[in-house]
Amino acid sequence: MIHAVLAVAVGLIAAPYSMPILEPPVIRVGGDLARYRQLCAGATVAATVGVPYAMPYERDRPILVCRGLQGGLRGRWPELVHID
């Protein structure tokens, strides 16, 4: 099973010094919402994904959207990436 953590480009274009550079949201498939609410300024479940013939632990996996990740994706990547 692969737990995906992806950074999504938001397409913001700003003139120099006109607005702060914002971190893009992080999308996590199959994470713990309570944990991401602690790590992010805002975390929500965008949808769920799964198929009826999958293993029970692979059904109805949440797709989480994390905005305002504390420490940024680059700083948090080692603790967030998870592949098994």
N, C-alpha and C. Protein backbone atom coordinates (compact mmCIF):
# COMPACT_ATOMS: atom_id res chain seq x y z
N MET A 1 0.84 -1.17 0.00
CA MET A 1 0.00 0.00 0.00
C MET A 1 0.89 1.24 0.00
N ILE A 2 0.51 2.23 -0.75
CA ILE A 2 1.28 3.46 -0.81
C ILE A 2 0.42 4.58 -0.26
N HIS A 3 0.96 5.30 0.72
CA HIS A 3 0.30 6.51 1.23
C HIS A 3 0.94 7.68 0.51
N ALA A 4 0.18 8.40 -0.23
CA ALA A 4 0.73 9.46 -1.06
C ALA A 4 0.66 10.81 -0.35
N VAL A 5 1.72 11.53 -0.43
CA VAL A 5 1.75 12.93 0.02
C VAL A 5 2.20 13.74 -1.18
N LEU A 6 1.36 14.63 -1.63
CA LEU A 6 1.65 15.39 -2.83
C LEU A 6 1.51 16.88 -2.55
N ALA A 7 2.39 17.65 -3.12
CA ALA A 7 2.23 19.10 -3.08
C ALA A 7 1.52 19.52 -4.35
N VAL A 8 0.57 20.38 -4.23
CA VAL A 8 -0.22 20.82 -5.37
C VAL A 8 0.10 22.27 -5.66
N ALA A 9 0.45 22.55 -6.91
CA ALA A 9 0.72 23.93 -7.30
C ALA A 9 -0.61 24.67 -7.37
N VAL A 10 -0.64 25.87 -6.84
CA VAL A 10 -1.88 26.63 -6.80
C VAL A 10 -1.93 27.71 -7.86
N GLY A 11 -0.87 27.94 -8.60
CA GLY A 11 -0.88 28.88 -9.69
C GLY A 11 -0.94 30.34 -9.27
N LEU A 12 -0.35 30.70 -8.14
CA LEU A 12 -0.33 32.09 -7.73
C LEU A 12 0.84 32.81 -8.40
N ILE A 13 0.57 33.95 -8.97
CA ILE A 13 1.62 34.77 -9.57
C ILE A 13 1.59 36.10 -8.85
N ALA A 14 2.72 36.49 -8.27
CA ALA A 14 2.76 37.74 -7.52
C ALA A 14 3.94 38.57 -7.95
N ALA A 15 3.73 39.87 -8.01
CA ALA A 15 4.84 40.78 -8.29
C ALA A 15 5.76 40.78 -7.08
N PRO A 16 7.04 41.02 -7.27
CA PRO A 16 7.95 41.02 -6.12
C PRO A 16 7.48 41.97 -5.03
N TYR A 17 7.49 41.50 -3.82
CA TYR A 17 7.15 42.26 -2.61
C TYR A 17 5.68 42.65 -2.50
N SER A 18 4.83 42.21 -3.42
CA SER A 18 3.43 42.61 -3.33
C SER A 18 2.61 41.71 -2.42
N MET A 19 3.00 40.44 -2.30
CA MET A 19 2.29 39.55 -1.41
C MET A 19 3.23 38.43 -0.99
N PRO A 20 2.99 37.82 0.16
CA PRO A 20 3.88 36.75 0.61
C PRO A 20 3.77 35.52 -0.28
N ILE A 21 4.83 34.75 -0.34
CA ILE A 21 4.82 33.50 -1.08
C ILE A 21 4.13 32.47 -0.20
N LEU A 22 3.08 31.87 -0.72
CA LEU A 22 2.29 30.92 0.05
C LEU A 22 2.72 29.49 -0.26
N GLU A 23 2.73 28.67 0.77
CA GLU A 23 2.97 27.25 0.57
C GLU A 23 1.75 26.65 -0.12
N PRO A 24 1.95 25.79 -1.10
CA PRO A 24 0.79 25.12 -1.70
C PRO A 24 0.17 24.15 -0.71
N PRO A 25 -1.09 23.81 -0.89
CA PRO A 25 -1.69 22.82 0.02
C PRO A 25 -1.04 21.46 -0.18
N VAL A 26 -1.12 20.63 0.83
CA VAL A 26 -0.62 19.25 0.76
C VAL A 26 -1.84 18.34 0.71
N ILE A 27 -1.81 17.38 -0.20
CA ILE A 27 -2.89 16.40 -0.31
C ILE A 27 -2.36 15.05 0.16
N ARG A 28 -3.08 14.44 1.08
CA ARG A 28 -2.67 13.16 1.64
C ARG A 28 -3.80 12.16 1.40
N VAL A 29 -3.48 11.02 0.84
CA VAL A 29 -4.45 9.95 0.64
C VAL A 29 -4.23 8.93 1.75
N GLY A 30 -5.25 8.74 2.57
CA GLY A 30 -5.17 7.74 3.63
C GLY A 30 -4.42 8.20 4.86
N GLY A 31 -4.68 9.37 5.34
CA GLY A 31 -4.03 9.87 6.56
C GLY A 31 -5.01 10.01 7.70
N ASP A 32 -4.50 10.44 8.84
CA ASP A 32 -5.29 10.63 10.04
C ASP A 32 -5.66 12.12 10.15
N LEU A 33 -6.95 12.43 10.05
CA LEU A 33 -7.40 13.82 10.06
C LEU A 33 -6.99 14.53 11.36
N ALA A 34 -7.09 13.87 12.49
CA ALA A 34 -6.73 14.50 13.77
C ALA A 34 -5.26 14.91 13.77
N ARG A 35 -4.39 14.07 13.24
CA ARG A 35 -2.96 14.39 13.18
C ARG A 35 -2.72 15.61 12.29
N TYR A 36 -3.37 15.64 11.13
CA TYR A 36 -3.15 16.75 10.20
C TYR A 36 -3.78 18.05 10.70
N ARG A 37 -4.78 17.97 11.52
CA ARG A 37 -5.33 19.19 12.13
C ARG A 37 -4.33 19.80 13.11
N GLN A 38 -3.45 18.99 13.68
CA GLN A 38 -2.39 19.50 14.55
C GLN A 38 -1.23 20.08 13.75
N LEU A 39 -0.96 19.50 12.56
CA LEU A 39 0.17 19.92 11.74
C LEU A 39 -0.13 21.09 10.83
N CYS A 40 -1.41 21.35 10.55
CA CYS A 40 -1.80 22.33 9.55
C CYS A 40 -2.67 23.42 10.15
N ALA A 41 -2.65 24.58 9.51
CA ALA A 41 -3.55 25.66 9.92
C ALA A 41 -5.00 25.26 9.64
N GLY A 42 -5.21 24.47 8.60
CA GLY A 42 -6.54 23.96 8.27
C GLY A 42 -6.43 22.63 7.56
N ALA A 43 -7.15 21.62 8.01
CA ALA A 43 -7.14 20.30 7.38
C ALA A 43 -8.59 19.83 7.23
N THR A 44 -8.93 19.37 6.04
CA THR A 44 -10.28 18.90 5.77
C THR A 44 -10.24 17.62 4.95
N VAL A 45 -11.33 16.86 4.99
CA VAL A 45 -11.48 15.69 4.14
C VAL A 45 -12.19 16.14 2.88
N ALA A 46 -11.50 16.06 1.75
CA ALA A 46 -12.06 16.50 0.47
C ALA A 46 -12.97 15.42 -0.12
N ALA A 47 -12.62 14.15 0.09
CA ALA A 47 -13.38 13.03 -0.46
C ALA A 47 -12.86 11.75 0.17
N THR A 48 -13.45 10.65 -0.19
CA THR A 48 -12.93 9.34 0.19
C THR A 48 -12.76 8.52 -1.08
N VAL A 49 -11.83 7.59 -1.03
CA VAL A 49 -11.57 6.75 -2.18
C VAL A 49 -11.44 5.31 -1.71
N GLY A 50 -11.85 4.40 -2.55
CA GLY A 50 -11.76 2.99 -2.23
C GLY A 50 -12.61 2.18 -3.19
N VAL A 51 -12.39 0.91 -3.22
CA VAL A 51 -13.17 0.02 -4.07
C VAL A 51 -13.74 -1.09 -3.20
N PRO A 52 -14.89 -1.63 -3.55
CA PRO A 52 -15.52 -2.63 -2.69
C PRO A 52 -14.74 -3.94 -2.55
N TYR A 53 -13.88 -4.26 -3.51
CA TYR A 53 -13.16 -5.53 -3.45
C TYR A 53 -11.76 -5.41 -2.88
N ALA A 54 -11.42 -4.25 -2.33
CA ALA A 54 -10.11 -4.05 -1.71
C ALA A 54 -10.11 -4.69 -0.32
N MET A 55 -8.93 -4.77 0.26
CA MET A 55 -8.81 -5.24 1.63
C MET A 55 -9.57 -4.25 2.53
N PRO A 56 -10.11 -4.71 3.64
CA PRO A 56 -10.90 -3.81 4.51
C PRO A 56 -10.14 -2.55 4.92
N TYR A 57 -8.85 -2.65 5.19
CA TYR A 57 -8.08 -1.48 5.62
C TYR A 57 -7.80 -0.52 4.46
N GLU A 58 -8.09 -0.91 3.22
CA GLU A 58 -7.88 -0.04 2.07
C GLU A 58 -9.17 0.60 1.56
N ARG A 59 -10.29 0.29 2.19
CA ARG A 59 -11.57 0.84 1.77
C ARG A 59 -11.80 2.20 2.42
N ASP A 60 -12.51 3.05 1.71
CA ASP A 60 -12.92 4.36 2.23
C ASP A 60 -11.78 5.14 2.85
N ARG A 61 -10.70 5.26 2.09
CA ARG A 61 -9.54 6.05 2.54
C ARG A 61 -9.83 7.53 2.36
N PRO A 62 -9.59 8.36 3.36
CA PRO A 62 -9.85 9.80 3.20
C PRO A 62 -8.80 10.46 2.32
N ILE A 63 -9.23 11.46 1.59
CA ILE A 63 -8.31 12.34 0.86
C ILE A 63 -8.29 13.65 1.63
N LEU A 64 -7.17 13.93 2.29
CA LEU A 64 -7.05 15.10 3.15
C LEU A 64 -6.39 16.25 2.41
N VAL A 65 -6.87 17.46 2.65
CA VAL A 65 -6.25 18.66 2.13
C VAL A 65 -5.76 19.46 3.33
N CYS A 66 -4.46 19.70 3.36
CA CYS A 66 -3.81 20.40 4.46
C CYS A 66 -3.31 21.74 3.93
N ARG A 67 -3.79 22.82 4.53
CA ARG A 67 -3.34 24.16 4.16
C ARG A 67 -2.57 24.75 5.34
N GLY A 68 -1.45 25.39 5.03
CA GLY A 68 -0.65 26.01 6.08
C GLY A 68 0.13 25.00 6.91
N LEU A 69 0.79 24.06 6.25
CA LEU A 69 1.59 23.05 6.95
C LEU A 69 2.70 23.72 7.75
N GLN A 70 2.74 23.47 9.03
CA GLN A 70 3.76 24.05 9.90
C GLN A 70 5.13 23.51 9.53
N GLY A 71 6.07 24.38 9.30
CA GLY A 71 7.41 23.97 8.91
C GLY A 71 7.58 23.75 7.42
N GLY A 72 6.49 23.86 6.64
CA GLY A 72 6.56 23.67 5.20
C GLY A 72 6.77 22.22 4.80
N LEU A 73 6.48 21.92 3.56
CA LEU A 73 6.60 20.54 3.06
C LEU A 73 8.05 20.07 3.07
N ARG A 74 8.97 20.94 2.68
CA ARG A 74 10.38 20.55 2.64
C ARG A 74 10.87 20.15 4.03
N GLY A 75 10.49 20.90 5.05
CA GLY A 75 10.93 20.60 6.41
C GLY A 75 10.25 19.38 7.00
N ARG A 76 9.00 19.12 6.62
CA ARG A 76 8.23 18.01 7.19
C ARG A 76 8.29 16.72 6.37
N TRP A 77 8.85 16.78 5.16
CA TRP A 77 8.83 15.62 4.27
C TRP A 77 9.32 14.32 4.91
N PRO A 78 10.46 14.31 5.62
CA PRO A 78 10.92 13.02 6.17
C PRO A 78 9.93 12.35 7.10
N GLU A 79 9.15 13.11 7.85
CA GLU A 79 8.19 12.49 8.75
C GLU A 79 6.84 12.19 8.08
N LEU A 80 6.55 12.83 6.94
CA LEU A 80 5.28 12.63 6.27
C LEU A 80 5.29 11.53 5.22
N VAL A 81 6.41 11.34 4.55
CA VAL A 81 6.46 10.33 3.50
C VAL A 81 6.38 8.94 4.14
N HIS A 82 5.57 8.08 3.53
CA HIS A 82 5.38 6.74 4.08
C HIS A 82 5.03 5.79 2.94
N ILE A 83 5.89 4.85 2.66
CA ILE A 83 5.67 3.86 1.60
C ILE A 83 5.87 2.47 2.18
N ASP A 84 4.86 1.60 2.04
CA ASP A 84 5.04 0.19 2.41
C ASP A 84 4.47 -0.73 1.39
